[in-house]
Structures are given as structure tokens and as C-alpha cells.
Amino acid sequence: MMRLSRIAIIGAPLDLGAGRRGVDMGPSALRLAGLGPRLAALGYKVEDLGNVFTEQQESAPSGPSNAKYLPQIASACSVLAEMAERAVNDNRFPLILGGDHSLAIGTVAGVSAAWRRRGEKIGIVWIDAHADMNTPESSPSGNIHGMPLACCIGRGPGDLANLLGHSPKVEPRNVVLVGIRDVDLSERELVRQSGVTAFTMRDIDERGLREVMESAVVIAGDGTAGIHLSLDMDSVDPDEAPGVGTPVRGGMTYREAHLAMEIVCDSDRLISMELVEVNPVLDAANRTAMLGVELILSAMGKRIL
């Protein structure tokens, strides 16, 4: 696949899906860390399309306790989906900056819709400490940032799972979870029965990150137009990425995270990407956003030599 030379950056300062506040500042932190100019230095034409409008928690009713802020999240994801779809149709690479992980519902809806119109489907590599496959019935918190992958495979709330009028957005057999290490008890069976492939941190420990990522690329790329990469910064160990809403010890190291990005890049199958859950309120001197920018650069082709 020819690598696209134009990147469309879209900020999604969504924090309605998370329990802790602050991820709405993630897009600004990533931009402040020099994302645009550093991508341009790699030779890309970078177009920053600004931010999707999102409601504020203080001015929005939280709604159902098992799917909080569902209408507001659906509205923001709908706008994001249209922007992502337009970017793909314009032969631009959609790069989405979060925000909490519920925004992935919008990204995946838009990217999959654009490729669907070309008669093709997409795969997903979802790198995360959490499985994000809860439903309103299983979720212990009702926070939608724990449900987006379920929505992408047609299992979540209808307002989200059916965004842009088609479901599932991605076939489970082309979805790969990488690095999970904190899965809710009621969620475990959902993951097992879903048909997605899940590589836990134990798999990474036993098999090595290289083998896991090479398998992930093959599975997500099998019969698809390409791979959407969804990177939650809590996949990285909190010693390296402290500024996330739900840190879990025992994550990927700095070098493992870079290697994961480099292997996806080397596949030449990457068609879209989002980086989510950067929380500057919980960070130290913007370390997590700066690491996030470095990881995006590795995914987009930056090399040591």
C-alpha cells in the first residue's frame, strides 16, 4: 500500500466517557509537544482541522447510570465520524487526538464507512491496558470509555454501535487487542466469546513484543484494506506514561511501545490512527504527551537510521 503523504489531524477533546477529568486537554498537550511540525519534518503535508465540539460534563445531564452521557458522546462521535470519513475520501491519513477512548467509536465508524463504499473492510490493532469491551449490562462503572471496542464490533449501545447506519464496523476476526492486563470480571467472558484476538501482557512476556505485533498485523490485515491503530497511552507502563486516567502497573516499556509502532509502520498497512487518554492534569511536565508524539512519529515512519 502506498503511504499517504497528507495527514489530517483532528482533535477530539472528549472526556464524557471517563470517570476522571482532564483528558479533554489531551489534544492541546499533544499539539504543544510539537506534533504537527515534527510530522512535517518527516515529509508529510500536515493539515490540522481543529477540534470536534464536545459537551462539558458540568452543563450536560449524565443520563443513564449504565451508559453515562450516551447522547452527548454519540453526537460528538457522529461529527468525528464524518470528519474521519471525509479525510479518507480526500486521500488524507486521519490522525485523531484524544480525549477518552470512547472517541474511537467515531473514528472507526468514519474510516470503515469510507472503505466500505470502496467495497473493502478494515482491521483494528487496539493497544490498551484494558479490553474496552464492556456493555451497559456488564460495566461496573457505566463509563463509555470502557465500551468502544464492543461498539466497533456491534455489541454496544445501539446509538453508538449503529453510528453512520452500519454495524459491525469491523469483523471481530480482524480485531486484535494487544497488551491488556486489567479486565473486569464480567468483561472476560465477553472478550472470550467475541471472536477478537487478545494478546495479554503475559503473551508479550512469554512470546516477546515482536512476535505478538507481527501476529497482530497479520490478523488485522487479513483480507482488509488496511489497519486502524488505536493506541491508549495506558498501554505503556505508568513509569513512562504517568499522565493517564486509569494507570495500571506492568505495561509496555518505552522501547516495546516504540517497537510496536515501528512494526505496524513496517507493514505498510496503516490507514488511520488515534492516540487517546492523555491526561495533562495527572502528568509530570507533559511527559506523557511528549511520549505520545514520539510514538506517533514512529508509527508514521521515523527511524533511528
Protein backbone atom coordinates (compact mmCIF):
# COMPACT_ATOMS: atom_id res chain seq x y z
CA MET A 1 0.00 0.00 0.00
CA MET A 2 1.29 3.47 -0.87
CA ARG A 3 1.80 5.55 2.25
CA LEU A 4 -0.31 8.70 2.15
CA SER A 5 1.66 11.95 2.10
CA ARG A 6 -1.09 14.09 3.68
CA ILE A 7 -2.15 13.85 7.31
CA ALA A 8 -5.38 15.30 8.70
CA ILE A 9 -5.06 15.94 12.44
CA ILE A 10 -8.40 16.02 14.26
CA GLY A 11 -8.66 16.81 17.96
CA ALA A 12 -11.40 15.10 19.95
CA PRO A 13 -11.35 16.65 23.46
CA LEU A 14 -13.95 14.20 24.73
CA ASP A 15 -13.95 13.46 28.45
CA LEU A 16 -17.58 12.38 28.92
CA GLY A 17 -16.69 8.69 28.69
CA ALA A 18 -14.17 8.70 31.52
CA GLY A 19 -14.51 8.81 35.28
CA ARG A 20 -11.56 11.15 35.89
CA ARG A 21 -11.42 14.62 34.36
CA GLY A 22 -8.60 16.10 32.32
CA VAL A 23 -8.34 14.10 29.09
CA ASP A 24 -10.16 16.92 27.28
CA MET A 25 -6.80 18.73 27.41
CA GLY A 26 -5.01 15.84 25.71
CA PRO A 27 -5.21 17.20 22.14
CA SER A 28 -3.71 20.51 23.26
CA ALA A 29 -0.91 18.74 25.14
CA LEU A 30 -0.02 16.68 22.08
CA ARG A 31 -0.01 19.73 19.85
CA LEU A 32 2.09 21.62 22.42
CA ALA A 33 4.61 18.77 22.27
CA GLY A 34 5.25 19.68 18.62
CA LEU A 35 3.25 17.02 16.81
CA GLY A 36 2.46 18.99 13.64
CA PRO A 37 5.93 20.41 12.93
CA ARG A 38 7.60 17.09 13.76
CA LEU A 39 5.35 15.21 11.32
CA ALA A 40 6.08 17.87 8.70
CA ALA A 41 9.80 17.29 9.28
CA LEU A 42 9.23 13.66 8.20
CA GLY A 43 8.00 14.97 4.85
CA TYR A 44 4.24 14.93 5.39
CA LYS A 45 1.85 17.70 4.47
CA VAL A 46 0.02 18.24 7.75
CA GLU A 47 -3.44 19.80 7.92
CA ASP A 48 -4.76 20.43 11.44
CA LEU A 49 -8.54 20.50 11.23
CA GLY A 50 -9.04 21.69 14.81
CA ASN A 51 -11.25 20.05 17.41
CA VAL A 52 -14.61 18.32 17.35
CA PHE A 53 -17.11 20.12 19.58
CA THR A 54 -17.90 18.20 22.75
CA GLU A 55 -20.24 18.97 25.62
CA GLN A 56 -18.87 19.73 29.09
CA GLN A 57 -19.84 17.46 31.98
CA GLU A 58 -20.91 20.45 34.06
CA SER A 59 -23.53 21.52 31.53
CA ALA A 60 -24.79 18.12 30.36
CA PRO A 61 -27.11 15.64 32.13
CA SER A 62 -25.28 12.38 32.82
CA GLY A 63 -28.25 10.28 31.66
CA PRO A 64 -28.47 6.51 32.22
CA SER A 65 -26.20 5.23 35.01
CA ASN A 66 -25.08 2.24 32.93
CA ALA A 67 -24.09 4.36 29.89
CA LYS A 68 -23.31 7.86 31.13
CA TYR A 69 -23.56 10.80 28.70
CA LEU A 70 -24.64 8.45 25.90
CA PRO A 71 -26.46 11.08 23.73
CA GLN A 72 -23.62 13.61 24.03
CA ILE A 73 -20.96 11.02 23.20
CA ALA A 74 -23.00 9.78 20.23
CA SER A 75 -23.29 13.36 18.96
CA ALA A 76 -19.53 14.05 19.21
CA CYS A 77 -18.66 10.68 17.67
CA SER A 78 -21.05 11.32 14.79
CA VAL A 79 -19.26 14.57 13.90
CA LEU A 80 -15.87 12.90 14.29
CA ALA A 81 -17.01 10.01 12.07
CA GLU A 82 -17.97 12.39 9.29
CA MET A 83 -14.62 14.20 9.54
CA ALA A 84 -12.66 10.95 9.51
CA GLU A 85 -14.66 9.63 6.56
CA ARG A 86 -14.07 12.85 4.64
CA ALA A 87 -10.33 12.66 5.33
CA VAL A 88 -10.14 9.13 3.92
CA ASN A 89 -12.19 10.14 0.87
CA ASP A 90 -9.75 13.02 0.30
CA ASN A 91 -6.79 10.61 0.45
CA ARG A 92 -5.59 12.02 3.74
CA PHE A 93 -4.43 9.95 6.70
CA PRO A 94 -6.79 10.56 9.66
CA LEU A 95 -4.83 11.11 12.89
CA ILE A 96 -7.17 11.59 15.86
CA LEU A 97 -6.00 13.07 19.16
CA GLY A 98 -7.94 12.28 22.35
CA GLY A 99 -9.68 12.62 24.63
CA ASP A 100 -11.03 9.44 26.19
CA HIS A 101 -11.22 6.17 24.27
CA SER A 102 -14.94 6.43 23.55
CA LEU A 103 -13.98 8.68 20.61
CA ALA A 104 -12.71 5.58 18.81
CA ILE A 105 -16.34 4.74 18.04
CA GLY A 106 -16.43 7.82 15.82
CA THR A 107 -13.05 7.28 14.20
CA VAL A 108 -13.71 3.64 13.34
CA ALA A 109 -17.23 4.41 12.08
CA GLY A 110 -15.92 7.04 9.68
CA VAL A 111 -12.87 5.16 8.44
CA SER A 112 -14.79 1.91 7.96
CA ALA A 113 -17.62 3.72 6.15
CA ALA A 114 -15.20 5.28 3.67
CA TRP A 115 -13.58 1.93 2.86
CA ARG A 116 -16.95 0.16 2.85
CA ARG A 117 -18.03 2.41 -0.02
CA ARG A 118 -14.99 1.15 -1.93
CA GLY A 119 -16.10 -2.43 -1.28
CA GLU A 120 -13.43 -3.05 1.34
CA LYS A 121 -13.25 -3.60 5.09
CA ILE A 122 -10.71 -2.58 7.72
CA GLY A 123 -8.91 -4.27 10.60
CA ILE A 124 -8.03 -2.90 14.04
CA VAL A 125 -4.98 -3.22 16.27
CA TRP A 126 -6.14 -1.96 19.69
CA ILE A 127 -3.23 -1.39 22.09
CA ASP A 128 -4.55 -0.88 25.60
CA ALA A 129 -4.25 -1.94 29.24
CA HIS A 130 -7.99 -2.59 29.16
CA ALA A 131 -10.19 -4.63 26.83
CA ASP A 132 -12.78 -1.83 26.34
CA MET A 133 -15.39 -4.47 25.58
CA ASN A 134 -17.92 -3.83 28.32
CA THR A 135 -21.59 -3.26 27.53
CA PRO A 136 -24.06 -1.25 29.63
CA GLU A 137 -25.17 -4.58 31.13
CA SER A 138 -21.66 -5.64 32.18
CA SER A 139 -19.99 -2.32 33.02
CA PRO A 140 -19.31 -1.79 36.73
CA SER A 141 -18.96 1.99 36.23
CA GLY A 142 -21.23 2.91 33.30
CA ASN A 143 -18.32 4.84 31.76
CA ILE A 144 -18.45 4.52 27.98
CA HIS A 145 -14.66 4.69 27.54
CA GLY A 146 -14.79 1.05 28.70
CA MET A 147 -17.13 0.11 25.83
CA PRO A 148 -15.78 1.41 22.49
CA LEU A 149 -14.35 -1.81 21.10
CA ALA A 150 -17.63 -3.58 21.87
CA CYS A 151 -19.39 -0.86 19.87
CA CYS A 152 -16.99 -1.30 16.94
CA ILE A 153 -17.92 -4.98 16.65
CA GLY A 154 -21.63 -4.30 17.05
CA ARG A 155 -22.06 -5.25 20.73
CA GLY A 156 -22.50 -1.89 22.46
CA PRO A 157 -25.39 0.60 22.83
CA GLY A 158 -27.34 0.95 19.57
CA ASP A 159 -26.78 4.71 19.32
CA LEU A 160 -23.05 4.03 19.13
CA ALA A 161 -22.84 0.57 17.53
CA ASN A 162 -25.04 1.73 14.62
CA LEU A 163 -23.31 5.07 14.01
CA LEU A 164 -23.47 6.06 10.32
CA GLY A 165 -26.04 3.33 9.79
CA HIS A 166 -23.92 0.19 9.64
CA SER A 167 -22.86 -2.43 12.17
CA PRO A 168 -20.49 -4.02 12.91
CA LYS A 169 -17.87 -1.54 11.82
CA VAL A 170 -15.19 -4.23 11.87
CA GLU A 171 -15.41 -8.00 11.81
CA PRO A 172 -14.18 -9.48 15.11
CA ARG A 173 -11.79 -11.81 13.30
CA ASN A 174 -9.86 -8.73 12.10
CA VAL A 175 -9.62 -7.15 15.57
CA VAL A 176 -6.58 -7.64 17.79
CA LEU A 177 -6.18 -6.49 21.39
CA VAL A 178 -2.57 -6.03 22.48
CA GLY A 179 -1.20 -5.51 25.99
CA ILE A 180 -4.33 -5.98 28.09
CA ARG A 181 -3.70 -6.53 31.79
CA ASP A 182 -6.76 -5.14 33.61
CA VAL A 183 -10.05 -6.75 32.51
CA ASP A 184 -13.28 -6.60 34.52
CA LEU A 185 -14.54 -9.98 35.73
CA SER A 186 -17.83 -9.68 33.85
CA GLU A 187 -15.97 -8.49 30.75
CA ARG A 188 -13.70 -11.53 30.46
CA GLU A 189 -16.37 -13.80 29.02
CA LEU A 190 -17.39 -11.08 26.55
CA VAL A 191 -13.82 -10.98 25.25
CA ARG A 192 -13.59 -14.78 25.06
CA GLN A 193 -16.86 -15.11 23.14
CA SER A 194 -16.40 -12.11 20.85
CA GLY A 195 -14.16 -13.62 18.19
CA VAL A 196 -11.45 -10.95 18.62
CA THR A 197 -7.85 -12.00 19.21
CA ALA A 198 -6.46 -10.88 22.57
CA PHE A 199 -2.76 -10.78 23.44
CA THR A 200 -2.30 -10.10 27.15
CA MET A 201 0.84 -8.80 28.84
CA ARG A 202 1.60 -12.41 29.69
CA ASP A 203 1.65 -13.20 25.97
CA ILE A 204 4.09 -10.34 25.47
CA ASP A 205 6.23 -11.59 28.37
CA GLU A 206 6.30 -15.15 27.03
CA ARG A 207 6.44 -14.60 23.27
CA GLY A 208 8.06 -11.18 23.05
CA LEU A 209 6.58 -7.97 21.70
CA ARG A 210 7.93 -8.55 18.19
CA GLU A 211 6.16 -11.89 17.69
CA VAL A 212 2.91 -10.57 19.19
CA MET A 213 2.86 -7.47 16.97
CA GLU A 214 3.76 -9.39 13.83
CA SER A 215 0.84 -11.74 14.53
CA ALA A 216 -1.43 -8.77 15.23
CA VAL A 217 -0.59 -7.14 11.89
CA VAL A 218 -1.28 -10.39 10.01
CA ILE A 219 -4.65 -10.93 11.73
CA ALA A 220 -5.86 -7.34 11.37
CA GLY A 221 -4.61 -7.15 7.79
CA ASP A 222 -6.09 -10.44 6.58
CA GLY A 223 -8.43 -9.57 3.71
CA THR A 224 -8.68 -5.91 4.70
CA ALA A 225 -7.83 -2.61 3.04
CA GLY A 226 -5.55 -1.84 5.96
CA ILE A 227 -5.21 -1.39 9.70
CA HIS A 228 -6.62 1.22 12.05
CA LEU A 229 -4.30 1.66 15.04
CA SER A 230 -5.95 2.63 18.31
CA LEU A 231 -3.31 3.48 20.91
CA ASP A 232 -4.31 4.09 24.52
CA MET A 233 -1.40 5.62 26.42
CA ASP A 234 -2.22 3.49 29.46
CA SER A 235 -0.82 0.54 27.48
CA VAL A 236 2.60 1.92 28.39
CA ASP A 237 3.85 1.40 31.94
CA PRO A 238 2.94 4.35 34.20
CA ASP A 239 6.63 4.85 35.00
CA GLU A 240 6.93 6.09 31.40
CA ALA A 241 3.41 7.47 30.90
CA PRO A 242 2.10 8.79 34.23
CA GLY A 243 -0.49 11.15 32.71
CA VAL A 244 -3.33 8.72 32.04
CA GLY A 245 -6.72 8.36 33.69
CA THR A 246 -6.51 4.66 34.57
CA PRO A 247 -2.84 3.71 35.09
CA VAL A 248 -2.04 0.02 35.59
CA ARG A 249 1.41 -1.23 36.60
CA GLY A 250 3.22 -3.71 34.37
CA GLY A 251 2.69 -2.17 30.95
CA MET A 252 4.89 -1.96 27.90
CA THR A 253 8.31 -0.41 28.30
CA TYR A 254 9.43 2.67 26.40
CA ARG A 255 11.27 0.56 23.82
CA GLU A 256 8.47 -2.01 23.49
CA ALA A 257 6.00 0.77 22.74
CA HIS A 258 8.27 2.15 20.02
CA LEU A 259 8.84 -1.30 18.57
CA ALA A 260 5.08 -1.87 18.40
CA MET A 261 4.70 1.35 16.39
CA GLU A 262 7.64 0.51 14.13
CA ILE A 263 6.29 -2.96 13.30
CA VAL A 264 2.89 -1.53 12.35
CA CYS A 265 4.63 1.07 10.20
CA ASP A 266 6.85 -1.53 8.52
CA SER A 267 3.75 -3.49 7.47
CA ASP A 268 2.71 -0.62 5.15
CA ARG A 269 -0.89 -1.41 6.13
CA LEU A 270 -1.57 1.54 8.45
CA ILE A 271 -4.51 3.60 7.15
CA SER A 272 -5.59 5.60 10.24
CA MET A 273 -4.63 6.14 13.87
CA GLU A 274 -5.83 7.60 17.12
CA LEU A 275 -3.92 8.27 20.33
CA VAL A 276 -6.09 8.60 23.42
CA GLU A 277 -6.26 9.04 27.20
CA VAL A 278 -3.50 11.64 27.63
CA ASN A 279 -4.42 13.44 30.86
CA PRO A 280 -2.22 16.51 31.49
CA VAL A 281 -3.79 17.04 34.93
CA LEU A 282 -2.18 13.80 36.10
CA ASP A 283 1.04 14.19 34.11
CA ALA A 284 4.52 15.42 35.00
CA ALA A 285 5.81 18.25 32.77
CA ASN A 286 3.87 16.92 29.75
CA ARG A 287 5.91 13.69 29.70
CA THR A 288 3.03 11.51 28.52
CA ALA A 289 2.10 13.79 25.63
CA MET A 290 5.74 14.05 24.56
CA LEU A 291 5.99 10.25 24.56
CA GLY A 292 2.71 10.11 22.65
CA VAL A 293 4.16 12.34 19.93
CA GLU A 294 7.28 10.17 19.75
CA LEU A 295 5.13 7.06 19.32
CA ILE A 296 3.04 8.68 16.58
CA LEU A 297 6.27 9.61 14.78
CA SER A 298 7.49 6.00 14.99
CA ALA A 299 4.18 4.78 13.60
CA MET A 300 4.48 7.29 10.76
CA GLY A 301 7.98 6.30 9.72
CA LYS A 302 10.57 7.96 11.95
CA ARG A 303 13.64 5.74 12.25
CA ILE A 304 16.88 5.69 14.21
CA LEU A 305 18.90 5.40 10.98
